C-alpha atoms as a PDB file:
ATOM      1  CA  PRO A   1      49.408  71.769  66.663  1.00  0.00           C
ATOM      2  CA  THR A   2      50.463  69.990  69.816  1.00  0.00           C
ATOM      3  CA  LYS A   3      52.903  67.068  70.008  1.00  0.00           C
ATOM      4  CA  ASN A   4      49.898  64.810  70.697  1.00  0.00           C
ATOM      5  CA  VAL A   5      48.203  65.913  67.457  1.00  0.00           C
ATOM      6  CA  ILE A   6      51.398  65.422  65.444  1.00  0.00           C
ATOM      7  CA  ASP A   7      51.988  61.966  66.943  1.00  0.00           C
ATOM      8  CA  LEU A   8      48.403  60.939  66.124  1.00  0.00           C
ATOM      9  CA  LEU A   9      48.924  62.001  62.495  1.00  0.00           C
ATOM     10  CA  LYS A  10      51.719  59.413  62.231  1.00  0.00           C
ATOM     11  CA  VAL A  11      49.534  56.366  62.931  1.00  0.00           C
ATOM     12  CA  GLY A  12      46.507  54.603  61.507  1.00  0.00           C
ATOM     13  CA  ARG A  13      43.932  55.236  58.825  1.00  0.00           C
ATOM     14  CA  HIS A  14      42.464  58.725  59.025  1.00  0.00           C
ATOM     15  CA  PHE A  15      38.887  59.785  58.368  1.00  0.00           C
ATOM     16  CA  ARG A  16      37.563  63.346  58.397  1.00  0.00           C
ATOM     17  CA  LEU A  17      33.922  63.269  59.567  1.00  0.00           C
ATOM     18  CA  ASP A  18      33.425  67.030  59.546  1.00  0.00           C
ATOM     19  CA  GLU A  19      35.466  70.219  59.827  1.00  0.00           C
ATOM     20  CA  ARG A  20      36.411  69.570  63.472  1.00  0.00           C
ATOM     21  CA  THR A  21      36.004  65.817  63.869  1.00  0.00           C
ATOM     22  CA  LYS A  22      38.250  62.959  62.830  1.00  0.00           C
ATOM     23  CA  LEU A  23      38.536  59.227  63.358  1.00  0.00           C
ATOM     24  CA  VAL A  24      41.841  57.368  63.420  1.00  0.00           C
ATOM     25  CA  VAL A  25      41.768  53.568  63.097  1.00  0.00           C
ATOM     26  CA  GLY A  26      44.778  51.499  64.155  1.00  0.00           C
ATOM     27  CA  ARG A  27      46.302  49.105  61.616  1.00  0.00           C
ATOM     28  CA  ASN A  28      48.198  46.796  63.970  1.00  0.00           C
ATOM     29  CA  LYS A  29      48.960  46.108  67.634  1.00  0.00           C
ATOM     30  CA  ASP A  30      51.641  48.810  67.870  1.00  0.00           C
ATOM     31  CA  GLU A  31      49.355  51.464  66.405  1.00  0.00           C
ATOM     32  CA  ASN A  32      46.508  50.355  68.683  1.00  0.00           C
ATOM     33  CA  GLU A  33      48.785  50.846  71.701  1.00  0.00           C
ATOM     34  CA  MET A  34      49.897  54.245  70.400  1.00  0.00           C
ATOM     35  CA  ILE A  35      46.283  55.350  69.870  1.00  0.00           C
ATOM     36  CA  ARG A  36      45.358  54.288  73.408  1.00  0.00           C
ATOM     37  CA  ALA A  37      48.392  56.154  74.799  1.00  0.00           C
ATOM     38  CA  LEU A  38      47.538  59.334  72.853  1.00  0.00           C
ATOM     39  CA  ALA A  39      43.876  59.381  73.928  1.00  0.00           C
ATOM     40  CA  MET A  40      42.781  62.512  75.741  1.00  0.00           C
ATOM     41  CA  GLN A  41      39.909  62.830  78.190  1.00  0.00           C
ATOM     42  CA  SER A  42      37.541  64.234  75.554  1.00  0.00           C
ATOM     43  CA  ASP A  43      38.315  61.440  73.040  1.00  0.00           C
ATOM     44  CA  VAL A  44      36.217  58.311  72.497  1.00  0.00           C
ATOM     45  CA  LEU A  45      37.882  54.940  71.898  1.00  0.00           C
ATOM     46  CA  PHE A  46      36.177  52.128  69.937  1.00  0.00           C
ATOM     47  CA  TYR A  47      37.092  48.442  69.726  1.00  0.00           C
ATOM     48  CA  ALA A  48      35.393  45.127  68.964  1.00  0.00           C
ATOM     49  CA  ARG A  49      34.494  43.324  72.195  1.00  0.00           C
ATOM     50  CA  ASP A  50      34.674  39.751  70.883  1.00  0.00           C
ATOM     51  CA  HIS A  51      37.042  39.927  67.896  1.00  0.00           C
ATOM     52  CA  MET A  52      40.587  40.992  67.141  1.00  0.00           C
ATOM     53  CA  GLY A  53      40.813  44.306  65.416  1.00  0.00           C
ATOM     54  CA  PRO A  54      41.646  47.954  65.645  1.00  0.00           C
ATOM     55  CA  ILE A  55      41.332  50.491  68.356  1.00  0.00           C
ATOM     56  CA  SER A  56      39.822  53.638  66.865  1.00  0.00           C
ATOM     57  CA  ILE A  57      39.847  57.106  68.329  1.00  0.00           C
ATOM     58  CA  LEU A  58      37.192  59.757  67.720  1.00  0.00           C
ATOM     59  CA  ARG A  59      38.479  63.258  68.320  1.00  0.00           C
ATOM     60  CA  GLY A  60      36.048  66.135  67.986  1.00  0.00           C
ATOM     61  CA  ALA A  61      32.244  66.226  68.062  1.00  0.00           C
ATOM     62  CA  ASP A  62      30.865  63.150  69.809  1.00  0.00           C
ATOM     63  CA  THR A  63      27.436  63.170  68.156  1.00  0.00           C
ATOM     64  CA  PRO A  64      25.174  60.086  67.923  1.00  0.00           C
ATOM     65  CA  ASP A  65      25.677  60.001  64.140  1.00  0.00           C
ATOM     66  CA  HIS A  66      29.463  60.129  64.482  1.00  0.00           C
ATOM     67  CA  THR A  67      29.395  57.439  67.158  1.00  0.00           C
ATOM     68  CA  LYS A  68      27.355  55.080  64.955  1.00  0.00           C
ATOM     69  CA  LEU A  69      29.617  55.716  61.962  1.00  0.00           C
ATOM     70  CA  CYS A  70      32.800  55.172  63.992  1.00  0.00           C
ATOM     71  CA  ALA A  71      31.451  51.932  65.449  1.00  0.00           C
ATOM     72  CA  ALA A  72      30.586  50.639  61.949  1.00  0.00           C
ATOM     73  CA  ILE A  73      34.027  51.583  60.574  1.00  0.00           C
ATOM     74  CA  THR A  74      35.732  49.905  63.540  1.00  0.00           C
ATOM     75  CA  ALA A  75      33.622  46.769  62.956  1.00  0.00           C
ATOM     76  CA  ARG A  76      34.530  46.805  59.252  1.00  0.00           C
ATOM     77  CA  TYR A  77      38.268  46.637  60.055  1.00  0.00           C
ATOM     78  CA  SER A  78      37.856  44.025  62.812  1.00  0.00           C
ATOM     79  CA  ASP A  79      38.036  40.258  62.311  1.00  0.00           C
ATOM     80  CA  SER A  80      34.298  39.883  62.845  1.00  0.00           C
ATOM     81  CA  PRO A  81      32.544  37.894  60.091  1.00  0.00           C
ATOM     82  CA  LYS A  82      31.406  40.122  57.232  1.00  0.00           C
ATOM     83  CA  GLY A  83      27.725  41.017  57.426  1.00  0.00           C
ATOM     84  CA  SER A  84      27.298  39.802  60.999  1.00  0.00           C
ATOM     85  CA  GLN A  85      26.452  41.913  63.994  1.00  0.00           C
ATOM     86  CA  THR A  86      29.396  42.891  66.157  1.00  0.00           C
ATOM     87  CA  VAL A  87      29.538  44.440  69.616  1.00  0.00           C
ATOM     88  CA  ILE A  88      31.734  47.536  69.632  1.00  0.00           C
ATOM     89  CA  THR A  89      32.807  48.852  73.029  1.00  0.00           C
ATOM     90  CA  THR A  90      33.229  52.595  73.500  1.00  0.00           C
ATOM     91  CA  GLU A  91      35.309  54.239  76.214  1.00  0.00           C
ATOM     92  CA  LYS A  92      35.096  57.881  77.277  1.00  0.00           C
ATOM     93  CA  ASN A  93      36.948  59.806  79.988  1.00  0.00           C
ATOM     94  CA  PHE A  94      39.944  57.430  80.018  1.00  0.00           C
ATOM     95  CA  GLY A  95      37.712  54.362  80.332  1.00  0.00           C
ATOM     96  CA  ALA A  96      35.543  55.708  83.162  1.00  0.00           C
ATOM     97  CA  GLU A  97      32.454  55.588  80.920  1.00  0.00           C
ATOM     98  CA  LYS A  98      31.955  52.450  78.849  1.00  0.00           C
ATOM     99  CA  SER A  99      29.082  51.483  76.602  1.00  0.00           C
ATOM    100  CA  GLU A 100      28.406  49.034  73.799  1.00  0.00           C
ATOM    101  CA  ILE A 101      27.007  49.460  70.313  1.00  0.00           C
ATOM    102  CA  ILE A 102      25.750  46.567  68.194  1.00  0.00           C
ATOM    103  CA  THR A 103      26.511  47.164  64.541  1.00  0.00           C
ATOM    104  CA  THR A 104      27.651  45.530  61.326  1.00  0.00           C
ATOM    105  CA  GLY A 105      30.734  46.520  59.365  1.00  0.00           C
ATOM    106  CA  ILE A 106      30.081  49.402  57.015  1.00  0.00           C
ATOM    107  CA  HIS A 107      30.267  48.871  53.244  1.00  0.00           C
ATOM    108  CA  ASP A 108      33.177  50.485  51.413  1.00  0.00           C
ATOM    109  CA  GLN A 109      31.030  52.854  49.368  1.00  0.00           C
ATOM    110  CA  ASP A 110      29.449  54.210  52.557  1.00  0.00           C
ATOM    111  CA  TYR A 111      32.636  55.353  54.279  1.00  0.00           C
ATOM    112  CA  LEU A 112      35.335  55.981  51.662  1.00  0.00           C
ATOM    113  CA  GLN A 113      34.116  59.558  51.245  1.00  0.00           C
ATOM    114  CA  TYR A 114      35.480  60.276  54.728  1.00  0.00           C
ATOM    115  CA  ARG A 115      38.892  58.658  54.257  1.00  0.00           C
ATOM    116  CA  ILE A 116      41.861  60.972  53.949  1.00  0.00           C
END
């Protein structure tokens, strides 16, 4: 493992989406900054556009299903009102490609299977 991989293991909540794909969700401002600093070109960052909350990093397969799941997990940990729609911004290629996903926070029973 590289120093980047080891440093990423030290922060956030970790989710294993499949054999090669993981999501790390920041727990506070310091971890959010660390996640942003550790992002590589192939990673995807997620954050709530209009609410305080985590920065999440998807490392591995950037499939539509993974993207939707990561957006919903990021919304769940944000300060957006429970059950309401939230705009999650995604950044790829160090912020060169941005898009938005409208989602609601995921229910605990639907994502805990991925938590490490």
